[in-house]
Amino acid sequence: MTAGPGIASFSAGIEGLYQEMVIDHGRRPRNFRTIDRATCSIEAVNPLCGDQLTLAIQLTDGVIADVAFTGSGCTISQASASLMTMAVKGMAEEEALTLFARVHTMLTSESEGEAALAEVGKLAVLSGVWEYPTRVKCASLAWQALRSALEGDDRADGSRVVGTEK
């Protein structure tokens, strides 16, 4: 069975919507600011393209009460950081790490259907990144910083630097 013109049009419409949302978050990132008295702060750098960000998290009783970032980078890097901060705010640390794993899988491999994309909600706008290997590190930079910040045991220090491997 072949896809009819309605299916192709719907698919192109979704891709256009996804692209528009990524551009919007890249140009006007949400939670782009600093946090006074952050529980942890971590700097992340992608040496391949120069993307860099500082992620700050305020934890309260194991819940991400606030999360924000500053830095510079390409549209995909900024949009991914913006979407990530919106998604994890209010989550327990364990939930955020579970979401990290789902998003990491989505960014690095072809989606295995609608159910997998439904698990990441609005973050599905980044699902096509896996097709562009040079952009995967851009999209995953903020997520790697989140994982490092939540798994780190020197939270009060805030001086660690996370770099993506070459």
C-alpha atoms as a PDB file:
ATOM      1  CA  MET A   1       0.000   0.000   0.000  1.00  0.00           C
ATOM      2  CA  THR A   2       1.393   3.380  -0.954  1.00  0.00           C
ATOM      3  CA  ALA A   3       0.886   6.633   0.823  1.00  0.00           C
ATOM      4  CA  GLY A   4      -1.603   8.871  -0.910  1.00  0.00           C
ATOM      5  CA  PRO A   5      -1.220  12.608  -1.443  1.00  0.00           C
ATOM      6  CA  GLY A   6      -3.080  13.357   1.788  1.00  0.00           C
ATOM      7  CA  ILE A   7      -0.537  11.371   3.839  1.00  0.00           C
ATOM      8  CA  ALA A   8       2.429  13.045   2.131  1.00  0.00           C
ATOM      9  CA  SER A   9       0.872  16.471   2.674  1.00  0.00           C
ATOM     10  CA  PHE A  10       0.188  15.705   6.361  1.00  0.00           C
ATOM     11  CA  SER A  11       3.783  14.500   6.856  1.00  0.00           C
ATOM     12  CA  ALA A  12       5.201  17.608   5.182  1.00  0.00           C
ATOM     13  CA  GLY A  13       2.916  19.756   7.345  1.00  0.00           C
ATOM     14  CA  ILE A  14       4.166  18.113  10.545  1.00  0.00           C
ATOM     15  CA  GLU A  15       7.797  18.509   9.451  1.00  0.00           C
ATOM     16  CA  GLY A  16       7.157  22.183   8.705  1.00  0.00           C
ATOM     17  CA  LEU A  17       5.537  22.675  12.113  1.00  0.00           C
ATOM     18  CA  TYR A  18       8.477  20.935  13.819  1.00  0.00           C
ATOM     19  CA  GLN A  19      10.956  23.091  11.914  1.00  0.00           C
ATOM     20  CA  GLU A  20       9.031  26.247  12.814  1.00  0.00           C
ATOM     21  CA  MET A  21       8.997  25.294  16.516  1.00  0.00           C
ATOM     22  CA  VAL A  22      12.759  24.614  16.533  1.00  0.00           C
ATOM     23  CA  ILE A  23      13.438  27.956  14.853  1.00  0.00           C
ATOM     24  CA  ASP A  24      11.179  29.758  17.353  1.00  0.00           C
ATOM     25  CA  HIS A  25      12.940  28.203  20.362  1.00  0.00           C
ATOM     26  CA  GLY A  26      16.328  28.850  18.771  1.00  0.00           C
ATOM     27  CA  ARG A  27      15.596  32.524  18.214  1.00  0.00           C
ATOM     28  CA  ARG A  28      13.697  33.104  21.469  1.00  0.00           C
ATOM     29  CA  PRO A  29      14.879  30.471  23.927  1.00  0.00           C
ATOM     30  CA  ARG A  30      12.807  29.998  27.027  1.00  0.00           C
ATOM     31  CA  ASN A  31      14.501  29.969  30.458  1.00  0.00           C
ATOM     32  CA  PHE A  32      17.534  31.779  29.036  1.00  0.00           C
ATOM     33  CA  ARG A  33      18.752  33.410  32.229  1.00  0.00           C
ATOM     34  CA  THR A  34      20.780  32.777  35.374  1.00  0.00           C
ATOM     35  CA  ILE A  35      19.500  31.391  38.663  1.00  0.00           C
ATOM     36  CA  ASP A  36      20.570  32.941  41.950  1.00  0.00           C
ATOM     37  CA  ARG A  37      21.649  30.298  44.445  1.00  0.00           C
ATOM     38  CA  ALA A  38      21.451  27.391  42.010  1.00  0.00           C
ATOM     39  CA  THR A  39      21.990  23.987  43.577  1.00  0.00           C
ATOM     40  CA  CYS A  40      24.260  23.061  40.682  1.00  0.00           C
ATOM     41  CA  SER A  41      25.693  24.790  37.685  1.00  0.00           C
ATOM     42  CA  ILE A  42      27.624  23.158  34.900  1.00  0.00           C
ATOM     43  CA  GLU A  43      29.317  24.410  31.770  1.00  0.00           C
ATOM     44  CA  ALA A  44      29.020  22.356  28.591  1.00  0.00           C
ATOM     45  CA  VAL A  45      31.052  22.849  25.429  1.00  0.00           C
ATOM     46  CA  ASN A  46      30.898  21.231  22.009  1.00  0.00           C
ATOM     47  CA  PRO A  47      34.449  21.660  20.681  1.00  0.00           C
ATOM     48  CA  LEU A  48      33.420  20.601  17.178  1.00  0.00           C
ATOM     49  CA  CYS A  49      31.242  23.622  16.478  1.00  0.00           C
ATOM     50  CA  GLY A  50      31.703  26.022  19.393  1.00  0.00           C
ATOM     51  CA  ASP A  51      28.303  25.604  21.040  1.00  0.00           C
ATOM     52  CA  GLN A  52      28.591  26.381  24.747  1.00  0.00           C
ATOM     53  CA  LEU A  53      26.147  26.740  27.571  1.00  0.00           C
ATOM     54  CA  THR A  54      25.964  27.000  31.310  1.00  0.00           C
ATOM     55  CA  LEU A  55      23.105  25.057  32.833  1.00  0.00           C
ATOM     56  CA  ALA A  56      21.864  26.021  36.300  1.00  0.00           C
ATOM     57  CA  ILE A  57      19.472  23.914  38.351  1.00  0.00           C
ATOM     58  CA  GLN A  58      17.685  24.642  41.618  1.00  0.00           C
ATOM     59  CA  LEU A  59      16.749  21.381  43.349  1.00  0.00           C
ATOM     60  CA  THR A  60      14.238  21.287  46.173  1.00  0.00           C
ATOM     61  CA  ASP A  61      13.686  17.929  47.876  1.00  0.00           C
ATOM     62  CA  GLY A  62      14.872  16.024  44.796  1.00  0.00           C
ATOM     63  CA  VAL A  63      12.669  17.996  42.399  1.00  0.00           C
ATOM     64  CA  ILE A  64      13.880  20.405  39.724  1.00  0.00           C
ATOM     65  CA  ALA A  65      12.235  23.552  41.067  1.00  0.00           C
ATOM     66  CA  ASP A  66      13.944  25.789  38.505  1.00  0.00           C
ATOM     67  CA  VAL A  67      16.269  25.290  35.567  1.00  0.00           C
ATOM     68  CA  ALA A  68      17.802  27.813  33.191  1.00  0.00           C
ATOM     69  CA  PHE A  69      20.702  28.253  30.812  1.00  0.00           C
ATOM     70  CA  THR A  70      22.917  30.881  29.241  1.00  0.00           C
ATOM     71  CA  GLY A  71      25.364  30.574  26.398  1.00  0.00           C
ATOM     72  CA  SER A  72      25.609  30.629  22.652  1.00  0.00           C
ATOM     73  CA  GLY A  73      25.349  28.191  19.815  1.00  0.00           C
ATOM     74  CA  CYS A  74      23.487  27.171  16.724  1.00  0.00           C
ATOM     75  CA  THR A  75      19.705  27.175  16.469  1.00  0.00           C
ATOM     76  CA  ILE A  76      19.422  23.457  17.227  1.00  0.00           C
ATOM     77  CA  SER A  77      21.603  23.757  20.326  1.00  0.00           C
ATOM     78  CA  GLN A  78      19.650  26.716  21.687  1.00  0.00           C
ATOM     79  CA  ALA A  79      16.263  25.212  20.812  1.00  0.00           C
ATOM     80  CA  SER A  80      17.133  21.889  22.440  1.00  0.00           C
ATOM     81  CA  ALA A  81      18.263  23.638  25.632  1.00  0.00           C
ATOM     82  CA  SER A  82      15.099  25.740  25.671  1.00  0.00           C
ATOM     83  CA  LEU A  83      12.827  22.731  25.145  1.00  0.00           C
ATOM     84  CA  MET A  84      14.768  20.708  27.731  1.00  0.00           C
ATOM     85  CA  THR A  85      14.394  23.354  30.445  1.00  0.00           C
ATOM     86  CA  MET A  86      10.650  23.552  29.809  1.00  0.00           C
ATOM     87  CA  ALA A  87      10.276  19.778  29.896  1.00  0.00           C
ATOM     88  CA  VAL A  88      12.191  19.016  33.100  1.00  0.00           C
ATOM     89  CA  LYS A  89      11.048  21.891  35.308  1.00  0.00           C
ATOM     90  CA  GLY A  90       8.981  20.338  38.096  1.00  0.00           C
ATOM     91  CA  MET A  91      10.277  16.804  37.525  1.00  0.00           C
ATOM     92  CA  ALA A  92      11.932  14.616  40.119  1.00  0.00           C
ATOM     93  CA  GLU A  93      15.601  13.956  39.388  1.00  0.00           C
ATOM     94  CA  GLU A  94      14.895  10.321  38.467  1.00  0.00           C
ATOM     95  CA  GLU A  95      12.145  11.341  36.040  1.00  0.00           C
ATOM     96  CA  ALA A  96      14.475  13.828  34.362  1.00  0.00           C
ATOM     97  CA  LEU A  97      17.161  11.155  33.969  1.00  0.00           C
ATOM     98  CA  THR A  98      14.596   8.787  32.450  1.00  0.00           C
ATOM     99  CA  LEU A  99      13.571  11.528  30.025  1.00  0.00           C
ATOM    100  CA  PHE A 100      17.250  12.117  29.214  1.00  0.00           C
ATOM    101  CA  ALA A 101      17.580   8.440  28.204  1.00  0.00           C
ATOM    102  CA  ARG A 102      14.483   8.613  25.984  1.00  0.00           C
ATOM    103  CA  VAL A 103      15.607  11.830  24.307  1.00  0.00           C
ATOM    104  CA  HIS A 104      19.150  10.535  23.829  1.00  0.00           C
ATOM    105  CA  THR A 105      17.760   7.463  22.072  1.00  0.00           C
ATOM    106  CA  MET A 106      15.516   9.651  19.920  1.00  0.00           C
ATOM    107  CA  LEU A 107      18.410  11.943  18.957  1.00  0.00           C
ATOM    108  CA  THR A 108      20.751   9.111  18.030  1.00  0.00           C
ATOM    109  CA  SER A 109      18.506   6.590  16.245  1.00  0.00           C
ATOM    110  CA  GLU A 110      15.452   6.331  14.053  1.00  0.00           C
ATOM    111  CA  SER A 111      12.225   6.430  16.011  1.00  0.00           C
ATOM    112  CA  GLU A 112      10.486   3.116  16.469  1.00  0.00           C
ATOM    113  CA  GLY A 113       7.001   4.500  15.988  1.00  0.00           C
ATOM    114  CA  GLU A 114       4.505   6.932  17.359  1.00  0.00           C
ATOM    115  CA  ALA A 115       4.574   5.430  20.869  1.00  0.00           C
ATOM    116  CA  ALA A 116       8.268   6.286  21.279  1.00  0.00           C
ATOM    117  CA  LEU A 117       7.644   9.863  20.157  1.00  0.00           C
ATOM    118  CA  ALA A 118       4.629  10.161  22.451  1.00  0.00           C
ATOM    119  CA  GLU A 119       6.930   9.341  25.406  1.00  0.00           C
ATOM    120  CA  VAL A 120       8.874  12.554  24.794  1.00  0.00           C
ATOM    121  CA  GLY A 121       5.896  14.818  24.073  1.00  0.00           C
ATOM    122  CA  LYS A 122       6.796  18.183  22.543  1.00  0.00           C
ATOM    123  CA  LEU A 123      10.445  17.142  22.432  1.00  0.00           C
ATOM    124  CA  ALA A 124       9.509  15.044  19.391  1.00  0.00           C
ATOM    125  CA  VAL A 125      10.216  18.183  17.344  1.00  0.00           C
ATOM    126  CA  LEU A 126      13.883  17.147  17.624  1.00  0.00           C
ATOM    127  CA  SER A 127      13.235  13.610  16.353  1.00  0.00           C
ATOM    128  CA  GLY A 128      14.696  14.177  12.894  1.00  0.00           C
ATOM    129  CA  VAL A 129      18.119  15.176  14.220  1.00  0.00           C
ATOM    130  CA  TRP A 130      19.412  11.580  14.129  1.00  0.00           C
ATOM    131  CA  GLU A 131      19.458  11.864  10.315  1.00  0.00           C
ATOM    132  CA  TYR A 132      22.163  14.545  10.560  1.00  0.00           C
ATOM    133  CA  PRO A 133      25.068  13.099  12.579  1.00  0.00           C
ATOM    134  CA  THR A 134      26.903  16.432  12.730  1.00  0.00           C
ATOM    135  CA  ARG A 135      23.879  17.970  14.502  1.00  0.00           C
ATOM    136  CA  VAL A 136      23.358  15.246  17.111  1.00  0.00           C
ATOM    137  CA  LYS A 137      26.001  16.747  19.407  1.00  0.00           C
ATOM    138  CA  CYS A 138      24.380  20.179  19.033  1.00  0.00           C
ATOM    139  CA  ALA A 139      20.982  18.844  20.067  1.00  0.00           C
ATOM    140  CA  SER A 140      22.329  16.675  22.888  1.00  0.00           C
ATOM    141  CA  LEU A 141      24.659  19.234  24.536  1.00  0.00           C
ATOM    142  CA  ALA A 142      22.118  20.579  27.045  1.00  0.00           C
ATOM    143  CA  TRP A 143      20.848  17.065  27.758  1.00  0.00           C
ATOM    144  CA  GLN A 144      24.372  15.799  28.499  1.00  0.00           C
ATOM    145  CA  ALA A 145      24.842  18.767  30.841  1.00  0.00           C
ATOM    146  CA  LEU A 146      21.581  17.911  32.605  1.00  0.00           C
ATOM    147  CA  ARG A 147      22.628  14.307  33.111  1.00  0.00           C
ATOM    148  CA  SER A 148      26.073  15.317  34.383  1.00  0.00           C
ATOM    149  CA  ALA A 149      24.591  17.873  36.767  1.00  0.00           C
ATOM    150  CA  LEU A 150      22.051  15.435  38.197  1.00  0.00           C
ATOM    151  CA  GLU A 151      24.471  12.520  38.486  1.00  0.00           C
ATOM    152  CA  GLY A 152      27.368  14.605  39.818  1.00  0.00           C
ATOM    153  CA  ASP A 153      28.272  14.507  43.471  1.00  0.00           C
ATOM    154  CA  ASP A 154      29.871  17.954  43.642  1.00  0.00           C
ATOM    155  CA  ARG A 155      26.714  19.986  43.114  1.00  0.00           C
ATOM    156  CA  ALA A 156      27.641  22.857  45.371  1.00  0.00           C
ATOM    157  CA  ASP A 157      30.971  23.237  43.544  1.00  0.00           C
ATOM    158  CA  GLY A 158      29.511  24.157  40.166  1.00  0.00           C
ATOM    159  CA  SER A 159      32.951  24.276  38.563  1.00  0.00           C
ATOM    160  CA  ARG A 160      32.807  21.193  36.358  1.00  0.00           C
ATOM    161  CA  VAL A 161      33.008  21.423  32.590  1.00  0.00           C
ATOM    162  CA  VAL A 162      31.303  18.878  30.358  1.00  0.00           C
ATOM    163  CA  GLY A 163      32.556  18.531  26.799  1.00  0.00           C
ATOM    164  CA  THR A 164      31.179  16.300  24.135  1.00  0.00           C
ATOM    165  CA  GLU A 165      33.640  13.750  22.874  1.00  0.00           C
ATOM    166  CA  LYS A 166      35.169  14.334  19.449  1.00  0.00           C
END
